[in-house]
């Protein structure tokens, strides 16, 4: 069976997402801790990343969402004049994501199944397979935990205005955490499926 990294497009997007925050902090420091300077460098970096992703064939919607997220973070920081607020969008988006993932599991529509099912063009067939539904639910808890970890780390740093620590945390808890979640959730799914199950691409139809 192929890996989740292959089905979900690998870790490239997570790596790209760390560049604008790093650029913001570099620009902020280089311009004497000017929020305007940091925002200018971050937006330039975000635009460069968007153009690169577009040229390598990423979906236009995903490219646009990534760029809009950088612009929104920039607007928040400019309006408040507080450098740490460039990371505010991340704090609240991770909080919202944690809640959404948890709710999806409770209502028996685990997001991991939704995402992988869409990637495999299965629509809702995977939900009719009890073993696969259970496996996706367990795997989704892994992803929900990643958002909880980020909030637990980001929130106190953001409240304390720790820009450098936020930048380090953003890098450390983006692509490395995504890589870990891909690996762990894949192991959880494989171990949750009974012996002889045909795999993610072939949901078992109920008898």
C-alpha atoms as a PDB file:
ATOM      1  CA  UNK A   1       0.000   0.000   0.000  1.00  0.00           C
ATOM      2  CA  UNK A   2       1.210   3.530  -0.740  1.00  0.00           C
ATOM      3  CA  UNK A   3       1.928   5.991   2.034  1.00  0.00           C
ATOM      4  CA  UNK A   4      -0.183   8.893   3.237  1.00  0.00           C
ATOM      5  CA  UNK A   5       2.615  11.247   2.170  1.00  0.00           C
ATOM      6  CA  UNK A   6       2.148  10.046  -1.400  1.00  0.00           C
ATOM      7  CA  UNK A   7      -1.642  10.315  -1.278  1.00  0.00           C
ATOM      8  CA  UNK A   8      -1.671  13.743   0.337  1.00  0.00           C
ATOM      9  CA  UNK A   9       1.081  15.305  -1.722  1.00  0.00           C
ATOM     10  CA  UNK A  10       4.063  14.961   0.611  1.00  0.00           C
ATOM     11  CA  UNK A  11       5.521  17.644   2.856  1.00  0.00           C
ATOM     12  CA  UNK A  12       6.335  20.338   0.278  1.00  0.00           C
ATOM     13  CA  UNK A  13       3.418  22.600   1.200  1.00  0.00           C
ATOM     14  CA  UNK A  14       4.353  22.492   4.870  1.00  0.00           C
ATOM     15  CA  UNK A  15       7.928  23.503   4.047  1.00  0.00           C
ATOM     16  CA  UNK A  16       6.705  26.406   1.887  1.00  0.00           C
ATOM     17  CA  UNK A  17       4.457  27.617   4.713  1.00  0.00           C
ATOM     18  CA  UNK A  18       7.438  28.280   6.992  1.00  0.00           C
ATOM     19  CA  UNK A  19       9.166  30.688   4.604  1.00  0.00           C
ATOM     20  CA  UNK A  20       6.979  33.831   5.027  1.00  0.00           C
ATOM     21  CA  UNK A  21       7.134  33.780   8.875  1.00  0.00           C
ATOM     22  CA  UNK A  22      10.907  33.361   8.753  1.00  0.00           C
ATOM     23  CA  UNK A  23      11.091  36.175   6.197  1.00  0.00           C
ATOM     24  CA  UNK A  24       8.932  38.378   8.438  1.00  0.00           C
ATOM     25  CA  UNK A  25      11.262  37.927  11.400  1.00  0.00           C
ATOM     26  CA  UNK A  26      14.377  38.515   9.275  1.00  0.00           C
ATOM     27  CA  UNK A  27      12.842  41.687   7.823  1.00  0.00           C
ATOM     28  CA  UNK A  28      11.658  42.807  11.261  1.00  0.00           C
ATOM     29  CA  UNK A  29      15.157  42.457  12.720  1.00  0.00           C
ATOM     30  CA  UNK A  30      16.927  43.913   9.675  1.00  0.00           C
ATOM     31  CA  UNK A  31      14.787  47.075   9.754  1.00  0.00           C
ATOM     32  CA  UNK A  32      15.274  47.815  13.442  1.00  0.00           C
ATOM     33  CA  UNK A  33      12.258  45.798  14.589  1.00  0.00           C
ATOM     34  CA  UNK A  34       9.900  47.588  12.233  1.00  0.00           C
ATOM     35  CA  UNK A  35       6.590  45.806  11.691  1.00  0.00           C
ATOM     36  CA  UNK A  36       6.262  47.472   8.281  1.00  0.00           C
ATOM     37  CA  UNK A  37       9.692  46.194   7.265  1.00  0.00           C
ATOM     38  CA  UNK A  38       8.887  42.685   8.442  1.00  0.00           C
ATOM     39  CA  UNK A  39       5.544  42.673   6.661  1.00  0.00           C
ATOM     40  CA  UNK A  40       7.107  43.902   3.408  1.00  0.00           C
ATOM     41  CA  UNK A  41       9.658  41.080   3.383  1.00  0.00           C
ATOM     42  CA  UNK A  42       7.040  38.502   4.380  1.00  0.00           C
ATOM     43  CA  UNK A  43       4.647  39.508   1.595  1.00  0.00           C
ATOM     44  CA  UNK A  44       7.480  39.412  -0.950  1.00  0.00           C
ATOM     45  CA  UNK A  45       8.431  35.934   0.288  1.00  0.00           C
ATOM     46  CA  UNK A  46       4.783  34.822   0.237  1.00  0.00           C
ATOM     47  CA  UNK A  47       4.389  36.077  -3.327  1.00  0.00           C
ATOM     48  CA  UNK A  48       7.566  34.297  -4.412  1.00  0.00           C
ATOM     49  CA  UNK A  49       6.350  31.053  -2.808  1.00  0.00           C
ATOM     50  CA  UNK A  50       2.945  31.405  -4.493  1.00  0.00           C
ATOM     51  CA  UNK A  51       4.557  31.927  -7.914  1.00  0.00           C
ATOM     52  CA  UNK A  52       6.847  28.951  -7.353  1.00  0.00           C
ATOM     53  CA  UNK A  53       3.960  26.710  -6.321  1.00  0.00           C
ATOM     54  CA  UNK A  54       1.887  27.864  -9.300  1.00  0.00           C
ATOM     55  CA  UNK A  55       4.725  27.162 -11.742  1.00  0.00           C
ATOM     56  CA  UNK A  56       5.294  23.663 -10.330  1.00  0.00           C
ATOM     57  CA  UNK A  57       1.637  22.836 -10.929  1.00  0.00           C
ATOM     58  CA  UNK A  58      -0.038  23.237  -7.520  1.00  0.00           C
ATOM     59  CA  UNK A  59      -3.770  23.866  -7.534  1.00  0.00           C
ATOM     60  CA  UNK A  60      -4.587  27.571  -8.017  1.00  0.00           C
ATOM     61  CA  UNK A  61      -6.960  27.546  -5.034  1.00  0.00           C
ATOM     62  CA  UNK A  62      -4.273  26.175  -2.695  1.00  0.00           C
ATOM     63  CA  UNK A  63      -1.756  28.727  -3.987  1.00  0.00           C
ATOM     64  CA  UNK A  64      -4.214  31.588  -3.492  1.00  0.00           C
ATOM     65  CA  UNK A  65      -5.181  30.462   0.019  1.00  0.00           C
ATOM     66  CA  UNK A  66      -1.523  30.331   1.024  1.00  0.00           C
ATOM     67  CA  UNK A  67      -0.889  33.852  -0.245  1.00  0.00           C
ATOM     68  CA  UNK A  68      -4.077  35.206   1.342  1.00  0.00           C
ATOM     69  CA  UNK A  69      -3.030  33.740   4.701  1.00  0.00           C
ATOM     70  CA  UNK A  70       0.238  35.677   4.523  1.00  0.00           C
ATOM     71  CA  UNK A  71      -1.596  38.872   3.549  1.00  0.00           C
ATOM     72  CA  UNK A  72      -4.099  38.440   6.391  1.00  0.00           C
ATOM     73  CA  UNK A  73      -1.276  37.971   8.902  1.00  0.00           C
ATOM     74  CA  UNK A  74       0.358  41.097   7.510  1.00  0.00           C
ATOM     75  CA  UNK A  75      -2.834  43.152   7.838  1.00  0.00           C
ATOM     76  CA  UNK A  76      -3.334  42.065  11.462  1.00  0.00           C
ATOM     77  CA  UNK A  77       0.246  42.979  12.389  1.00  0.00           C
ATOM     78  CA  UNK A  78       0.019  46.353  10.641  1.00  0.00           C
ATOM     79  CA  UNK A  79      -3.274  47.235  12.311  1.00  0.00           C
ATOM     80  CA  UNK A  80      -2.073  46.384  15.819  1.00  0.00           C
ATOM     81  CA  UNK A  81       1.528  47.487  15.347  1.00  0.00           C
ATOM     82  CA  UNK A  82       2.618  44.429  17.324  1.00  0.00           C
ATOM     83  CA  UNK A  83       5.122  42.124  15.623  1.00  0.00           C
ATOM     84  CA  UNK A  84       3.915  39.004  17.449  1.00  0.00           C
ATOM     85  CA  UNK A  85       0.466  39.529  15.937  1.00  0.00           C
ATOM     86  CA  UNK A  86       1.835  38.417  12.580  1.00  0.00           C
ATOM     87  CA  UNK A  87       1.457  34.947  14.138  1.00  0.00           C
ATOM     88  CA  UNK A  88      -2.055  35.533  15.534  1.00  0.00           C
ATOM     89  CA  UNK A  89      -3.743  33.993  12.508  1.00  0.00           C
ATOM     90  CA  UNK A  90      -1.758  30.803  13.079  1.00  0.00           C
ATOM     91  CA  UNK A  91      -2.747  30.628  16.725  1.00  0.00           C
ATOM     92  CA  UNK A  92      -6.464  30.874  16.027  1.00  0.00           C
ATOM     93  CA  UNK A  93      -6.447  28.802  12.837  1.00  0.00           C
ATOM     94  CA  UNK A  94      -4.782  25.942  14.717  1.00  0.00           C
ATOM     95  CA  UNK A  95      -7.340  26.240  17.514  1.00  0.00           C
ATOM     96  CA  UNK A  96     -10.166  26.114  14.968  1.00  0.00           C
ATOM     97  CA  UNK A  97      -8.545  23.198  13.168  1.00  0.00           C
ATOM     98  CA  UNK A  98      -8.210  21.186  16.383  1.00  0.00           C
ATOM     99  CA  UNK A  99     -11.917  21.650  17.077  1.00  0.00           C
ATOM    100  CA  UNK A 100     -12.934  20.771  13.520  1.00  0.00           C
ATOM    101  CA  UNK A 101     -10.876  17.567  13.506  1.00  0.00           C
ATOM    102  CA  UNK A 102     -12.303  16.486  16.867  1.00  0.00           C
ATOM    103  CA  UNK A 103     -15.884  17.205  15.835  1.00  0.00           C
ATOM    104  CA  UNK A 104     -15.387  15.316  12.567  1.00  0.00           C
ATOM    105  CA  UNK A 105     -14.407  12.211  14.545  1.00  0.00           C
ATOM    106  CA  UNK A 106     -17.339  12.510  16.925  1.00  0.00           C
ATOM    107  CA  UNK A 107     -19.865  12.807  14.070  1.00  0.00           C
ATOM    108  CA  UNK A 108     -18.262   9.795  12.317  1.00  0.00           C
ATOM    109  CA  UNK A 109     -16.873  11.750   9.383  1.00  0.00           C
ATOM    110  CA  UNK A 110     -13.173  11.802  10.317  1.00  0.00           C
ATOM    111  CA  UNK A 111     -11.373  14.393   8.245  1.00  0.00           C
ATOM    112  CA  UNK A 112      -8.498  12.086   7.391  1.00  0.00           C
ATOM    113  CA  UNK A 113     -10.990   9.833   5.665  1.00  0.00           C
ATOM    114  CA  UNK A 114     -12.611  12.794   3.916  1.00  0.00           C
ATOM    115  CA  UNK A 115      -9.260  14.048   2.603  1.00  0.00           C
ATOM    116  CA  UNK A 116      -7.885  10.664   1.545  1.00  0.00           C
ATOM    117  CA  UNK A 117     -11.249   9.594   0.172  1.00  0.00           C
ATOM    118  CA  UNK A 118     -11.380  12.736  -1.971  1.00  0.00           C
ATOM    119  CA  UNK A 119      -7.801  12.144  -3.148  1.00  0.00           C
ATOM    120  CA  UNK A 120      -8.800   8.608  -4.175  1.00  0.00           C
ATOM    121  CA  UNK A 121     -12.110   9.804  -5.677  1.00  0.00           C
ATOM    122  CA  UNK A 122     -14.111   7.479  -3.466  1.00  0.00           C
ATOM    123  CA  UNK A 123     -16.745   9.977  -2.378  1.00  0.00           C
ATOM    124  CA  UNK A 124     -18.438   8.366   0.632  1.00  0.00           C
ATOM    125  CA  UNK A 125     -17.653   4.703  -0.106  1.00  0.00           C
ATOM    126  CA  UNK A 126     -15.014   4.539   2.628  1.00  0.00           C
ATOM    127  CA  UNK A 127     -17.650   5.402   5.251  1.00  0.00           C
ATOM    128  CA  UNK A 128     -19.569   2.224   4.434  1.00  0.00           C
ATOM    129  CA  UNK A 129     -16.558   0.141   5.456  1.00  0.00           C
ATOM    130  CA  UNK A 130     -16.667  -0.096   9.306  1.00  0.00           C
ATOM    131  CA  UNK A 131     -13.007  -1.129   9.582  1.00  0.00           C
ATOM    132  CA  UNK A 132     -11.831   1.713   7.369  1.00  0.00           C
ATOM    133  CA  UNK A 133     -14.065   4.218   9.157  1.00  0.00           C
ATOM    134  CA  UNK A 134     -12.601   3.155  12.506  1.00  0.00           C
ATOM    135  CA  UNK A 135      -9.043   3.312  11.148  1.00  0.00           C
ATOM    136  CA  UNK A 136      -9.540   6.823   9.766  1.00  0.00           C
ATOM    137  CA  UNK A 137     -11.043   7.952  13.082  1.00  0.00           C
ATOM    138  CA  UNK A 138      -8.001   6.716  14.997  1.00  0.00           C
ATOM    139  CA  UNK A 139      -5.654   8.293  12.471  1.00  0.00           C
ATOM    140  CA  UNK A 140      -7.552  11.578  12.682  1.00  0.00           C
ATOM    141  CA  UNK A 141      -6.856  11.770  16.422  1.00  0.00           C
ATOM    142  CA  UNK A 142      -3.162  11.969  15.542  1.00  0.00           C
ATOM    143  CA  UNK A 143      -3.782  15.034  13.375  1.00  0.00           C
ATOM    144  CA  UNK A 144      -6.065  16.637  15.961  1.00  0.00           C
ATOM    145  CA  UNK A 145      -3.242  16.225  18.484  1.00  0.00           C
ATOM    146  CA  UNK A 146      -0.816  18.139  16.242  1.00  0.00           C
ATOM    147  CA  UNK A 147      -3.083  21.193  16.314  1.00  0.00           C
ATOM    148  CA  UNK A 148      -3.487  20.954  20.076  1.00  0.00           C
ATOM    149  CA  UNK A 149       0.306  20.836  20.474  1.00  0.00           C
ATOM    150  CA  UNK A 150       0.725  23.913  18.282  1.00  0.00           C
ATOM    151  CA  UNK A 151      -1.865  25.888  20.241  1.00  0.00           C
ATOM    152  CA  UNK A 152      -0.261  24.864  23.542  1.00  0.00           C
ATOM    153  CA  UNK A 153       3.098  26.173  22.309  1.00  0.00           C
ATOM    154  CA  UNK A 154       2.032  29.174  20.209  1.00  0.00           C
ATOM    155  CA  UNK A 155      -0.513  30.715  22.567  1.00  0.00           C
ATOM    156  CA  UNK A 156       1.758  31.606  25.528  1.00  0.00           C
ATOM    157  CA  UNK A 157       4.518  32.787  23.163  1.00  0.00           C
ATOM    158  CA  UNK A 158       2.061  34.992  21.278  1.00  0.00           C
ATOM    159  CA  UNK A 159       0.617  36.445  24.477  1.00  0.00           C
ATOM    160  CA  UNK A 160       4.170  37.154  25.657  1.00  0.00           C
ATOM    161  CA  UNK A 161       5.164  38.834  22.399  1.00  0.00           C
ATOM    162  CA  UNK A 162       8.034  36.386  21.823  1.00  0.00           C
ATOM    163  CA  UNK A 163       8.631  36.914  18.101  1.00  0.00           C
ATOM    164  CA  UNK A 164      11.880  34.964  17.802  1.00  0.00           C
ATOM    165  CA  UNK A 165      10.531  32.045  19.825  1.00  0.00           C
ATOM    166  CA  UNK A 166       7.341  32.063  17.721  1.00  0.00           C
ATOM    167  CA  UNK A 167       9.415  31.856  14.545  1.00  0.00           C
ATOM    168  CA  UNK A 168      11.434  28.921  15.837  1.00  0.00           C
ATOM    169  CA  UNK A 169       8.266  27.200  17.054  1.00  0.00           C
ATOM    170  CA  UNK A 170       6.536  27.824  13.727  1.00  0.00           C
ATOM    171  CA  UNK A 171       9.337  26.084  11.840  1.00  0.00           C
ATOM    172  CA  UNK A 172       9.732  23.272  14.369  1.00  0.00           C
ATOM    173  CA  UNK A 173       5.989  22.588  14.535  1.00  0.00           C
ATOM    174  CA  UNK A 174       5.218  22.824  10.830  1.00  0.00           C
ATOM    175  CA  UNK A 175       6.998  20.424   8.479  1.00  0.00           C
ATOM    176  CA  UNK A 176       8.642  18.231  11.153  1.00  0.00           C
ATOM    177  CA  UNK A 177       5.279  17.815  12.890  1.00  0.00           C
ATOM    178  CA  UNK A 178       3.522  17.142   9.589  1.00  0.00           C
ATOM    179  CA  UNK A 179       6.133  14.512   8.755  1.00  0.00           C
ATOM    180  CA  UNK A 180       5.616  12.886  12.149  1.00  0.00           C
ATOM    181  CA  UNK A 181       1.824  12.991  11.795  1.00  0.00           C
ATOM    182  CA  UNK A 182       1.989  11.417   8.330  1.00  0.00           C
ATOM    183  CA  UNK A 183       4.146   8.601   9.647  1.00  0.00           C
ATOM    184  CA  UNK A 184       2.269   7.965  12.891  1.00  0.00           C
ATOM    185  CA  UNK A 185      -1.232   8.214  11.401  1.00  0.00           C
ATOM    186  CA  UNK A 186      -0.216   5.830   8.611  1.00  0.00           C
ATOM    187  CA  UNK A 187       1.029   3.306  11.171  1.00  0.00           C
ATOM    188  CA  UNK A 188      -2.181   3.738  13.193  1.00  0.00           C
ATOM    189  CA  UNK A 189      -4.347   3.162  10.110  1.00  0.00           C
ATOM    190  CA  UNK A 190      -2.437   0.071   9.001  1.00  0.00           C
ATOM    191  CA  UNK A 191      -2.548  -1.460  12.468  1.00  0.00           C
ATOM    192  CA  UNK A 192      -6.240  -0.663  12.819  1.00  0.00           C
ATOM    193  CA  UNK A 193      -7.232  -2.512   9.643  1.00  0.00           C
ATOM    194  CA  UNK A 194      -7.891  -6.241  10.083  1.00  0.00           C
ATOM    195  CA  UNK A 195      -5.713  -8.817   8.360  1.00  0.00           C
ATOM    196  CA  UNK A 196      -6.744  -9.331   4.773  1.00  0.00           C
ATOM    197  CA  UNK A 197      -8.354  -5.908   4.361  1.00  0.00           C
ATOM    198  CA  UNK A 198      -7.964  -4.752   0.740  1.00  0.00           C
ATOM    199  CA  UNK A 199      -6.564  -1.345   1.761  1.00  0.00           C
ATOM    200  CA  UNK A 200      -7.442   2.321   1.408  1.00  0.00           C
ATOM    201  CA  UNK A 201      -8.092   2.142  -2.324  1.00  0.00           C
ATOM    202  CA  UNK A 202     -10.602  -0.685  -1.976  1.00  0.00           C
ATOM    203  CA  UNK A 203     -13.182  -0.083   0.773  1.00  0.00           C
ATOM    204  CA  UNK A 204     -14.964  -3.282   1.715  1.00  0.00           C
ATOM    205  CA  UNK A 205     -18.657  -3.132   0.877  1.00  0.00           C
ATOM    206  CA  UNK A 206     -21.006  -4.172   3.735  1.00  0.00           C
ATOM    207  CA  UNK A 207     -22.626  -7.552   3.304  1.00  0.00           C
END
